[in-house]
Amino acid sequence: MTKNCINTIADFLKEDVEKISIITKLEVACVLDIRDIIFKKYSAPSISGTTLRTRFLTEKSYLETGIKRLDTILNGGIPIGFLTEVCGLAGSGKSQLCMQLAINSAKLSNSVIYIDTKGDFSAVRIQKILEAHGLSHKEMAIIMLNINIVQIFSMNDLICLLESIKTKKIVFDCLSLVILDSLPCLMFQHFGDNNKIGLKFLNIFVNLARCISNELRTCFICVNIETRWVDQEQVPDCNDEDYNFGEPAYCEIKNRCLGKYWRHIPVQVLSLQKTFESDTKSYINIKVIAENYNNPCSKLQCPISINYSGVF
């Protein structure tokens, strides 16, 4: 069909049915059947307005974190069907918060997928948090069985895992939360002068993560790293009549990793900032800043604390 300028499926669907019938020597009814098969397989399913309204009224739109202060600034919890980012500087409590979210979700008899890309997930830490809440060994076992740990060390493996979940080759009962800790660990392997491969992987990951979170009605949390740069610049001294340059000023700039493409992918961004750590390191105070990109004006914050019994 190349000589007739029909090179793609889109060209085939746009072309006149009778013309295709003449070219292929197939009956018109057969050509129409082929078109119908293509439409059914690749077209987006149509949903009526009534169905959408019923779904909106009956389906839960957020997952409670179990941390009251955090749920308050998130208007109930982590949004279901979207990507949420947890970011912060090194040691700001990102992994600790994710572990607590996994525990709180697993307590409700929900399945959690915890994707560990750093190889430092601590089941012992989970056990100590549960022991601190006075749970029995049986209760702890049930909760820990609901948290499914998957170690992934490449973008290829991550995409294969998500495709298996999407196509239901791997099935988790009552899946409510997927945590990826952390995405930059996989993406840093592809950073460099030619970042086309990295962007390709990131784009595929985003599409799969959105599809899974939307179709399975789950929360998808990605841990991101925040970097800090301190720039020195000269500023004029306004008290001097000649406006001589005064002392150097230091400007701190914080950036979320993964570049411009990723910047507006998450609907909800939770930025963690460590504000205080006790001398004995028995507890840490953290400020959480929640920014919702569906509502750019919405930027709320709350304090949380981390100690041996978890996050509260």
Protein backbone atom coordinates (compact mmCIF):
# COMPACT_ATOMS: atom_id res chain seq x y z
CA MET A 1 0.00 0.00 0.00
CA THR A 2 3.05 2.29 0.13
CA LYS A 3 2.62 3.49 -3.47
CA ASN A 4 -0.92 4.59 -2.51
CA CYS A 5 0.44 6.70 0.40
CA ILE A 6 -0.95 4.36 3.06
CA ASN A 7 2.03 3.80 5.38
CA THR A 8 0.53 3.81 8.87
CA ILE A 9 -2.60 2.69 10.72
CA ALA A 10 -3.71 6.34 10.83
CA ASP A 11 -3.41 6.53 7.02
CA PHE A 12 -5.46 3.34 6.72
CA LEU A 13 -8.23 4.68 8.97
CA LYS A 14 -8.38 8.04 7.15
CA GLU A 15 -8.54 6.53 3.67
CA ASP A 16 -11.83 5.89 1.87
CA VAL A 17 -13.15 2.37 2.54
CA GLU A 18 -14.03 1.69 -1.10
CA LYS A 19 -10.56 2.74 -2.25
CA ILE A 20 -8.96 0.34 0.24
CA SER A 21 -11.32 -2.38 -0.94
CA ILE A 22 -10.16 -1.89 -4.54
CA ILE A 23 -6.46 -1.78 -3.58
CA THR A 24 -6.57 -4.85 -1.34
CA LYS A 25 -9.23 -6.70 -3.32
CA LEU A 26 -11.15 -7.27 -0.10
CA GLU A 27 -14.89 -6.83 0.31
CA VAL A 28 -16.05 -3.55 1.84
CA ALA A 29 -17.57 -5.43 4.79
CA CYS A 30 -14.19 -7.06 5.51
CA VAL A 31 -12.41 -3.68 5.45
CA LEU A 32 -15.01 -2.29 7.84
CA ASP A 33 -14.49 -5.24 10.20
CA ILE A 34 -10.73 -4.56 10.23
CA ARG A 35 -11.37 -0.89 11.05
CA ASP A 36 -13.71 -1.86 13.89
CA ILE A 37 -11.11 -4.21 15.38
CA ILE A 38 -8.48 -1.45 15.30
CA PHE A 39 -10.85 1.05 16.92
CA LYS A 40 -11.85 -1.36 19.70
CA LYS A 41 -8.27 -2.30 20.49
CA TYR A 42 -6.61 1.12 20.43
CA SER A 43 -9.32 3.73 21.03
CA ALA A 44 -9.97 5.20 24.45
CA PRO A 45 -13.14 3.78 26.05
CA SER A 46 -16.12 6.13 26.04
CA ILE A 47 -17.64 7.00 29.43
CA SER A 48 -21.00 8.68 29.89
CA GLY A 49 -21.41 11.76 32.05
CA THR A 50 -23.66 9.82 34.44
CA THR A 51 -20.95 7.21 34.98
CA LEU A 52 -18.35 9.88 35.65
CA ARG A 53 -20.60 11.64 38.17
CA THR A 54 -21.40 8.36 39.95
CA ARG A 55 -17.72 7.52 40.10
CA PHE A 56 -16.92 10.98 41.48
CA LEU A 57 -19.55 10.65 44.23
CA THR A 58 -18.81 7.06 45.24
CA GLU A 59 -15.07 6.57 44.74
CA LYS A 60 -12.64 7.81 47.34
CA SER A 61 -10.45 10.62 46.02
CA TYR A 62 -7.68 10.46 48.61
CA LEU A 63 -5.85 8.02 50.91
CA GLU A 64 -5.47 9.07 54.54
CA THR A 65 -1.84 9.17 55.65
CA GLY A 66 -2.66 8.42 59.29
CA ILE A 67 -0.73 11.55 60.31
CA LYS A 68 -3.38 14.07 61.38
CA ARG A 69 -1.37 17.22 60.75
CA LEU A 70 -0.38 16.02 57.29
CA ASP A 71 -3.93 14.97 56.38
CA THR A 72 -5.16 18.44 57.38
CA ILE A 73 -2.94 20.34 54.93
CA LEU A 74 -3.62 17.71 52.21
CA ASN A 75 -7.40 18.18 52.50
CA GLY A 76 -7.87 14.60 53.65
CA GLY A 77 -4.83 12.71 52.38
CA ILE A 78 -2.73 11.75 49.36
CA PRO A 79 -4.67 12.12 46.07
CA ILE A 80 -5.70 8.82 44.46
CA GLY A 81 -5.11 8.42 40.73
CA PHE A 82 -2.20 10.86 40.57
CA LEU A 83 1.55 11.05 41.19
CA THR A 84 2.73 12.57 44.47
CA GLU A 85 6.33 13.59 45.12
CA VAL A 86 8.17 13.54 48.45
CA CYS A 87 11.36 15.59 48.18
CA GLY A 88 13.98 17.11 50.44
CA LEU A 89 17.69 17.34 51.16
CA ALA A 90 19.66 14.29 52.28
CA GLY A 91 18.66 13.27 55.82
CA SER A 92 15.38 15.21 55.81
CA GLY A 93 13.27 12.12 56.62
CA LYS A 94 11.93 11.18 53.16
CA SER A 95 12.36 7.41 53.55
CA GLN A 96 11.11 7.49 57.16
CA LEU A 97 7.94 9.25 56.05
CA CYS A 98 7.43 6.73 53.23
CA MET A 99 7.85 3.80 55.63
CA GLN A 100 5.26 5.32 57.95
CA LEU A 101 2.83 5.84 55.06
CA ALA A 102 3.35 2.20 54.03
CA ILE A 103 2.67 1.02 57.60
CA ASN A 104 -0.46 3.15 58.02
CA SER A 105 -1.88 1.94 54.71
CA ALA A 106 -1.04 -1.72 55.43
CA LYS A 107 -2.83 -1.45 58.80
CA LEU A 108 -6.08 -0.97 56.85
CA SER A 109 -5.59 -4.39 55.18
CA ASN A 110 -4.43 -2.71 51.98
CA SER A 111 -1.55 -3.96 49.84
CA VAL A 112 1.46 -1.68 49.45
CA ILE A 113 4.25 -1.96 46.88
CA TYR A 114 7.49 -0.47 48.18
CA ILE A 115 10.03 -0.19 45.34
CA ASP A 116 13.50 0.07 46.87
CA THR A 117 16.13 1.42 44.46
CA LYS A 118 18.85 2.09 47.05
CA GLY A 119 18.98 -1.33 48.70
CA ASP A 120 18.56 0.18 52.17
CA PHE A 121 14.96 -0.69 53.05
CA SER A 122 14.90 -1.81 56.69
CA ALA A 123 12.33 -4.40 57.74
CA VAL A 124 13.81 -4.15 61.25
CA ARG A 125 12.87 -0.46 61.35
CA ILE A 126 9.29 -1.35 60.37
CA GLN A 127 9.19 -3.99 63.11
CA LYS A 128 10.45 -1.55 65.77
CA ILE A 129 7.80 1.01 64.82
CA LEU A 130 5.08 -1.63 65.12
CA GLU A 131 6.46 -2.88 68.45
CA ALA A 132 6.44 0.69 69.77
CA HIS A 133 2.69 0.78 69.15
CA GLY A 134 2.19 -2.34 71.24
CA LEU A 135 1.02 -4.65 68.46
CA SER A 136 1.11 -8.42 68.87
CA HIS A 137 3.39 -10.62 66.76
CA LYS A 138 0.40 -11.81 64.75
CA GLU A 139 -0.74 -8.25 64.02
CA MET A 140 2.79 -7.24 63.05
CA ALA A 141 3.10 -10.25 60.72
CA ILE A 142 -0.15 -9.37 58.91
CA ILE A 143 0.91 -5.74 58.42
CA MET A 144 4.39 -6.65 57.20
CA LEU A 145 2.95 -9.21 54.76
CA ASN A 146 0.83 -6.43 53.25
CA ILE A 147 4.00 -4.44 52.44
CA ASN A 148 5.54 -5.96 49.31
CA ILE A 149 9.22 -5.01 48.90
CA VAL A 150 10.64 -5.01 45.36
CA GLN A 151 14.29 -4.14 44.78
CA ILE A 152 14.88 -2.42 41.42
CA PHE A 153 18.25 -1.12 40.20
CA SER A 154 17.58 0.00 36.60
CA MET A 155 14.92 1.90 34.67
CA ASN A 156 14.46 -1.13 32.42
CA ASP A 157 13.53 -3.32 35.39
CA LEU A 158 11.23 -0.62 36.78
CA ILE A 159 9.35 -0.33 33.49
CA CYS A 160 9.04 -4.13 33.23
CA LEU A 161 7.56 -4.23 36.75
CA LEU A 162 5.03 -1.48 36.04
CA GLU A 163 4.03 -3.09 32.73
CA SER A 164 3.41 -6.37 34.57
CA ILE A 165 1.19 -4.57 37.08
CA LYS A 166 -0.66 -2.72 34.30
CA THR A 167 -1.31 -5.87 32.26
CA LYS A 168 -2.20 -7.75 35.50
CA LYS A 169 0.53 -10.34 35.10
CA ILE A 170 1.30 -9.40 38.70
CA VAL A 171 -1.78 -8.85 40.85
CA PHE A 172 -1.97 -7.41 44.38
CA ASP A 173 -5.22 -7.62 46.32
CA CYS A 174 -6.58 -4.24 47.47
CA LEU A 175 -3.56 -2.32 46.18
CA SER A 176 -3.76 1.18 47.66
CA LEU A 177 -0.25 2.59 47.56
CA VAL A 178 2.88 2.36 45.40
CA ILE A 179 6.07 3.97 46.76
CA LEU A 180 9.18 4.47 44.63
CA ASP A 181 12.16 5.25 46.86
CA SER A 182 13.84 6.81 45.00
CA LEU A 183 13.54 7.75 41.31
CA PRO A 184 16.78 9.81 40.93
CA CYS A 185 18.85 6.75 41.94
CA LEU A 186 17.73 5.11 38.69
CA MET A 187 17.76 8.25 36.54
CA PHE A 188 21.27 9.41 37.51
CA GLN A 189 22.66 6.51 35.46
CA HIS A 190 21.37 8.23 32.32
CA PHE A 191 22.32 11.84 33.07
CA GLY A 192 25.02 13.33 30.86
CA ASP A 193 25.59 15.18 27.60
CA ASN A 194 23.15 13.02 25.67
CA ASN A 195 20.09 12.61 27.88
CA LYS A 196 17.67 11.32 25.22
CA ILE A 197 17.70 7.80 26.66
CA GLY A 198 17.02 9.10 30.15
CA LEU A 199 14.11 11.26 28.97
CA LYS A 200 12.70 8.32 27.04
CA PHE A 201 12.75 6.12 30.15
CA LEU A 202 11.28 8.91 32.29
CA ASN A 203 8.46 9.50 29.81
CA ILE A 204 7.57 5.79 29.69
CA PHE A 205 7.66 5.61 33.50
CA VAL A 206 5.35 8.63 33.87
CA ASN A 207 2.80 7.19 31.43
CA LEU A 208 2.80 3.79 33.17
CA ALA A 209 2.63 5.29 36.67
CA ARG A 210 -0.29 7.53 35.69
CA CYS A 211 -2.10 4.63 34.04
CA ILE A 212 -1.67 2.33 37.06
CA SER A 213 -2.67 4.96 39.61
CA ASN A 214 -5.75 5.93 37.58
CA GLU A 215 -6.99 2.48 36.51
CA LEU A 216 -6.26 0.71 39.81
CA ARG A 217 -7.29 3.76 41.89
CA THR A 218 -4.08 3.86 43.87
CA CYS A 219 -1.72 6.50 45.20
CA PHE A 220 1.71 6.63 43.55
CA ILE A 221 4.48 8.29 45.58
CA CYS A 222 7.90 9.08 44.09
CA VAL A 223 10.79 10.11 46.31
CA ASN A 224 12.89 12.85 44.76
CA ILE A 225 16.13 14.47 45.90
CA GLU A 226 16.54 18.17 46.54
CA THR A 227 19.89 19.84 45.88
CA ARG A 228 21.17 23.03 47.50
CA TRP A 229 23.43 25.60 45.87
CA VAL A 230 24.94 28.63 47.59
CA ASP A 231 25.86 31.50 45.27
CA GLN A 232 28.00 34.44 46.32
CA GLU A 233 27.24 37.80 44.80
CA GLN A 234 28.17 41.43 45.47
CA VAL A 235 25.35 43.78 46.46
CA PRO A 236 25.54 47.59 46.70
CA ASP A 237 25.65 49.23 50.12
CA CYS A 238 22.76 51.73 50.03
CA ASN A 239 24.17 53.73 53.00
CA ASP A 240 27.18 54.71 50.96
CA GLU A 241 26.72 57.85 48.85
CA ASP A 242 28.88 56.41 46.07
CA TYR A 243 27.02 53.03 46.23
CA ASN A 244 30.20 51.09 46.74
CA PHE A 245 29.80 47.36 46.77
CA GLY A 246 29.39 46.07 50.28
CA GLU A 247 30.01 42.67 51.80
CA PRO A 248 29.33 39.60 49.63
CA ALA A 249 25.80 38.24 49.94
CA TYR A 250 25.12 34.53 49.94
CA CYS A 251 21.99 33.29 48.21
CA GLU A 252 20.78 29.72 48.81
CA ILE A 253 19.02 28.05 45.88
CA LYS A 254 17.19 24.75 46.23
CA ASN A 255 16.27 22.63 43.23
CA ARG A 256 14.27 19.43 42.80
CA CYS A 257 16.15 16.88 40.72
CA LEU A 258 15.04 15.26 37.43
CA GLY A 259 14.95 18.47 35.38
CA LYS A 260 12.31 20.68 33.79
CA TYR A 261 10.32 17.82 32.29
CA TRP A 262 9.56 16.39 35.72
CA ARG A 263 8.82 19.73 37.41
CA HIS A 264 5.03 19.69 36.89
CA ILE A 265 4.46 15.93 36.57
CA PRO A 266 3.48 15.34 40.25
CA VAL A 267 0.12 16.79 41.21
CA GLN A 268 1.13 17.02 44.87
CA VAL A 269 4.63 17.84 46.12
CA LEU A 270 5.62 17.37 49.77
CA SER A 271 8.86 19.19 50.54
CA LEU A 272 10.57 18.17 53.79
CA GLN A 273 12.87 20.49 55.71
CA LYS A 274 14.65 19.40 58.88
CA THR A 275 14.26 22.11 61.54
CA PHE A 276 15.71 20.49 64.67
CA GLU A 277 17.54 17.35 65.78
CA SER A 278 18.04 16.47 69.42
CA ASP A 279 21.58 16.05 70.75
CA THR A 280 20.96 12.35 71.32
CA LYS A 281 19.33 12.03 67.87
CA SER A 282 16.33 10.50 69.59
CA TYR A 283 13.91 12.65 67.58
CA ILE A 284 13.86 15.04 64.61
CA ASN A 285 11.47 17.89 63.91
CA ILE A 286 10.58 18.42 60.24
CA LYS A 287 8.57 21.07 58.42
CA VAL A 288 6.42 19.71 55.58
CA ILE A 289 5.43 22.12 52.81
CA ALA A 290 2.59 20.81 50.63
CA GLU A 291 2.16 22.35 47.19
CA ASN A 292 -0.72 21.33 44.93
CA TYR A 293 -0.08 21.94 41.22
CA ASN A 294 -3.80 21.76 40.42
CA ASN A 295 -4.00 24.87 42.56
CA PRO A 296 -0.67 26.77 42.33
CA CYS A 297 -1.80 29.23 44.99
CA SER A 298 -2.20 26.41 47.52
CA LYS A 299 0.96 26.10 49.61
CA LEU A 300 0.38 24.88 53.15
CA GLN A 301 2.79 23.63 55.79
CA CYS A 302 2.80 21.70 59.04
CA PRO A 303 5.35 20.31 61.53
CA ILE A 304 5.92 16.59 62.02
CA SER A 305 8.32 14.69 64.26
CA ILE A 306 10.23 11.43 63.79
CA ASN A 307 11.39 9.18 66.64
CA TYR A 308 11.71 5.48 67.46
CA SER A 309 7.92 5.03 67.28
CA GLY A 310 7.62 6.47 63.75
CA VAL A 311 6.25 9.72 62.35
CA PHE A 312 3.60 11.76 64.12
